[in-house]
Amino acid sequence: MNMNEMKLFIRMPEVVRVTGKSRSTILRAVKAKTFPAPIHIGPQAIAWDSAEVAKWQMDRIAESRKADE
């Protein structure tokens, strides 16, 4: 990745909104390694790489479509 490729970090409220999952469900999935790990952006602040969350969403869609076949 070069310096011109900026990452978009999203905080927990946005992760909850875009996934439709609760905060506790997201944290359990992170612990189980079934959801992208957050990035520490400060002493008490975490965020997610929006591209990693989008990939997780696409993987869920692909799994769902495969199960429907």
N, C-alpha and C. Protein backbone atom coordinates (compact mmCIF):
# COMPACT_ATOMS: atom_id res chain seq x y z
N MET A 1 0.85 -1.18 0.00
CA MET A 1 0.00 0.00 0.00
C MET A 1 0.89 1.24 0.00
N ASN A 2 0.57 2.18 -0.85
CA ASN A 2 1.36 3.41 -0.83
C ASN A 2 0.70 4.45 0.07
N MET A 3 1.42 5.52 0.29
CA MET A 3 0.95 6.56 1.22
C MET A 3 -0.33 7.26 0.75
N ASN A 4 -0.65 7.17 -0.53
CA ASN A 4 -1.85 7.83 -1.05
C ASN A 4 -3.12 7.01 -0.84
N GLU A 5 -2.98 5.76 -0.42
CA GLU A 5 -4.14 4.90 -0.19
C GLU A 5 -4.54 4.99 1.27
N MET A 6 -5.42 5.93 1.56
CA MET A 6 -5.85 6.12 2.94
C MET A 6 -6.92 5.10 3.30
N LYS A 7 -6.88 4.65 4.54
CA LYS A 7 -7.87 3.73 5.07
C LYS A 7 -8.97 4.52 5.77
N LEU A 8 -10.19 4.04 5.65
CA LEU A 8 -11.30 4.65 6.36
C LEU A 8 -11.57 3.80 7.60
N PHE A 9 -11.43 4.41 8.77
CA PHE A 9 -11.73 3.72 10.02
C PHE A 9 -13.17 4.02 10.40
N ILE A 10 -13.88 2.99 10.87
CA ILE A 10 -15.24 3.19 11.36
C ILE A 10 -15.30 2.74 12.81
N ARG A 11 -16.05 3.48 13.60
CA ARG A 11 -16.17 3.20 15.03
C ARG A 11 -17.35 2.26 15.27
N MET A 12 -17.46 1.79 16.49
CA MET A 12 -18.45 0.78 16.86
C MET A 12 -19.87 1.13 16.43
N PRO A 13 -20.38 2.34 16.67
CA PRO A 13 -21.77 2.61 16.25
C PRO A 13 -22.01 2.37 14.76
N GLU A 14 -21.02 2.71 13.94
CA GLU A 14 -21.16 2.49 12.49
C GLU A 14 -21.06 1.00 12.16
N VAL A 15 -20.20 0.27 12.86
CA VAL A 15 -20.09 -1.18 12.64
C VAL A 15 -21.42 -1.84 12.99
N VAL A 16 -22.01 -1.44 14.10
CA VAL A 16 -23.32 -1.96 14.50
C VAL A 16 -24.35 -1.65 13.41
N ARG A 17 -24.34 -0.43 12.90
CA ARG A 17 -25.31 -0.02 11.89
C ARG A 17 -25.16 -0.81 10.60
N VAL A 18 -23.93 -0.96 10.11
CA VAL A 18 -23.75 -1.60 8.80
C VAL A 18 -23.86 -3.12 8.85
N THR A 19 -23.64 -3.71 10.02
CA THR A 19 -23.74 -5.18 10.11
C THR A 19 -25.10 -5.64 10.61
N GLY A 20 -25.82 -4.77 11.31
CA GLY A 20 -27.09 -5.19 11.89
C GLY A 20 -26.90 -6.05 13.13
N LYS A 21 -25.68 -6.11 13.63
CA LYS A 21 -25.37 -6.92 14.82
C LYS A 21 -25.22 -6.01 16.03
N SER A 22 -25.44 -6.57 17.20
CA SER A 22 -25.27 -5.79 18.43
C SER A 22 -23.79 -5.65 18.77
N ARG A 23 -23.51 -4.70 19.63
CA ARG A 23 -22.14 -4.47 20.08
C ARG A 23 -21.56 -5.74 20.70
N SER A 24 -22.33 -6.38 21.57
CA SER A 24 -21.82 -7.59 22.24
C SER A 24 -21.59 -8.73 21.26
N THR A 25 -22.45 -8.86 20.26
CA THR A 25 -22.27 -9.91 19.25
C THR A 25 -21.01 -9.65 18.43
N ILE A 26 -20.76 -8.40 18.10
CA ILE A 26 -19.54 -8.05 17.36
C ILE A 26 -18.31 -8.40 18.18
N LEU A 27 -18.30 -8.01 19.45
CA LEU A 27 -17.14 -8.29 20.29
C LEU A 27 -16.92 -9.79 20.49
N ARG A 28 -18.01 -10.56 20.60
CA ARG A 28 -17.87 -12.03 20.70
C ARG A 28 -17.27 -12.59 19.41
N ALA A 29 -17.72 -12.08 18.27
CA ALA A 29 -17.21 -12.55 16.98
C ALA A 29 -15.73 -12.20 16.81
N VAL A 30 -15.33 -11.03 17.28
CA VAL A 30 -13.91 -10.66 17.24
C VAL A 30 -13.11 -11.65 18.07
N LYS A 31 -13.60 -11.94 19.27
CA LYS A 31 -12.91 -12.88 20.17
C LYS A 31 -12.82 -14.27 19.54
N ALA A 32 -13.87 -14.68 18.83
CA ALA A 32 -13.91 -15.99 18.17
C ALA A 32 -13.16 -15.98 16.84
N LYS A 33 -12.64 -14.81 16.46
CA LYS A 33 -11.91 -14.63 15.19
C LYS A 33 -12.79 -14.89 13.96
N THR A 34 -14.08 -14.58 14.10
CA THR A 34 -15.00 -14.70 12.97
C THR A 34 -15.43 -13.32 12.44
N PHE A 35 -14.82 -12.28 12.98
CA PHE A 35 -15.07 -10.91 12.55
C PHE A 35 -13.73 -10.19 12.62
N PRO A 36 -13.49 -9.23 11.72
CA PRO A 36 -12.19 -8.54 11.73
C PRO A 36 -11.86 -7.93 13.09
N ALA A 37 -10.60 -7.99 13.44
CA ALA A 37 -10.14 -7.41 14.69
C ALA A 37 -10.12 -5.88 14.58
N PRO A 38 -10.43 -5.21 15.68
CA PRO A 38 -10.37 -3.75 15.65
C PRO A 38 -8.92 -3.27 15.68
N ILE A 39 -8.76 -2.01 15.36
CA ILE A 39 -7.46 -1.34 15.37
C ILE A 39 -7.48 -0.34 16.51
N HIS A 40 -6.46 -0.37 17.34
CA HIS A 40 -6.37 0.60 18.43
C HIS A 40 -5.91 1.93 17.85
N ILE A 41 -6.76 2.94 17.97
CA ILE A 41 -6.45 4.25 17.41
C ILE A 41 -6.15 5.28 18.50
N GLY A 42 -6.21 4.85 19.73
CA GLY A 42 -5.91 5.71 20.86
C GLY A 42 -5.88 4.88 22.12
N PRO A 43 -5.56 5.50 23.26
CA PRO A 43 -5.47 4.74 24.51
C PRO A 43 -6.75 3.97 24.86
N GLN A 44 -7.89 4.55 24.55
CA GLN A 44 -9.16 3.90 24.87
C GLN A 44 -10.11 3.93 23.69
N ALA A 45 -9.55 3.91 22.49
CA ALA A 45 -10.39 4.01 21.30
C ALA A 45 -10.00 2.93 20.29
N ILE A 46 -11.03 2.30 19.75
CA ILE A 46 -10.82 1.30 18.70
C ILE A 46 -11.69 1.64 17.50
N ALA A 47 -11.27 1.14 16.36
CA ALA A 47 -12.04 1.32 15.13
C ALA A 47 -11.76 0.13 14.24
N TRP A 48 -12.54 0.00 13.19
CA TRP A 48 -12.35 -1.08 12.22
C TRP A 48 -11.99 -0.47 10.88
N ASP A 49 -11.21 -1.21 10.12
CA ASP A 49 -10.92 -0.83 8.73
C ASP A 49 -12.19 -1.12 7.94
N SER A 50 -12.75 -0.11 7.32
CA SER A 50 -14.02 -0.29 6.61
C SER A 50 -13.91 -1.33 5.50
N ALA A 51 -12.74 -1.44 4.88
CA ALA A 51 -12.55 -2.44 3.81
C ALA A 51 -12.62 -3.86 4.37
N GLU A 52 -12.10 -4.07 5.57
CA GLU A 52 -12.16 -5.39 6.19
C GLU A 52 -13.60 -5.75 6.55
N VAL A 53 -14.35 -4.78 7.04
CA VAL A 53 -15.76 -5.02 7.36
C VAL A 53 -16.54 -5.31 6.08
N ALA A 54 -16.27 -4.56 5.02
CA ALA A 54 -16.94 -4.79 3.74
C ALA A 54 -16.62 -6.19 3.20
N LYS A 55 -15.37 -6.63 3.34
CA LYS A 55 -15.00 -7.98 2.90
C LYS A 55 -15.76 -9.02 3.72
N TRP A 56 -15.87 -8.81 5.02
CA TRP A 56 -16.62 -9.72 5.88
C TRP A 56 -18.07 -9.80 5.39
N GLN A 57 -18.65 -8.65 5.05
CA GLN A 57 -20.02 -8.65 4.53
C GLN A 57 -20.13 -9.45 3.23
N MET A 58 -19.21 -9.23 2.32
CA MET A 58 -19.23 -9.94 1.03
C MET A 58 -19.06 -11.45 1.24
N ASP A 59 -18.21 -11.83 2.19
CA ASP A 59 -18.04 -13.26 2.50
C ASP A 59 -19.34 -13.86 3.03
N ARG A 60 -20.07 -13.11 3.87
CA ARG A 60 -21.35 -13.61 4.39
C ARG A 60 -22.35 -13.77 3.25
N ILE A 61 -22.37 -12.81 2.33
CA ILE A 61 -23.28 -12.89 1.18
C ILE A 61 -22.95 -14.11 0.34
N ALA A 62 -21.67 -14.31 0.06
CA ALA A 62 -21.24 -15.46 -0.76
C ALA A 62 -21.62 -16.78 -0.08
N GLU A 63 -21.41 -16.87 1.23
CA GLU A 63 -21.79 -18.09 1.96
C GLU A 63 -23.29 -18.32 1.89
N SER A 64 -24.06 -17.26 2.02
CA SER A 64 -25.51 -17.37 1.96
C SER A 64 -25.98 -17.85 0.59
N ARG A 65 -25.39 -17.29 -0.45
CA ARG A 65 -25.77 -17.68 -1.82
C ARG A 65 -25.40 -19.13 -2.09
N LYS A 66 -24.25 -19.55 -1.59
CA LYS A 66 -23.79 -20.92 -1.78
C LYS A 66 -24.72 -21.90 -1.06
N ALA A 67 -25.19 -21.52 0.13
CA ALA A 67 -26.10 -22.37 0.90
C ALA A 67 -27.45 -22.50 0.21
N ASP A 68 -27.84 -21.47 -0.55
CA ASP A 68 -29.13 -21.48 -1.25
C ASP A 68 -29.13 -22.37 -2.48
N GLU A 69 -27.95 -22.75 -2.96
CA GLU A 69 -27.87 -23.55 -4.19
C GLU A 69 -28.25 -24.99 -3.95
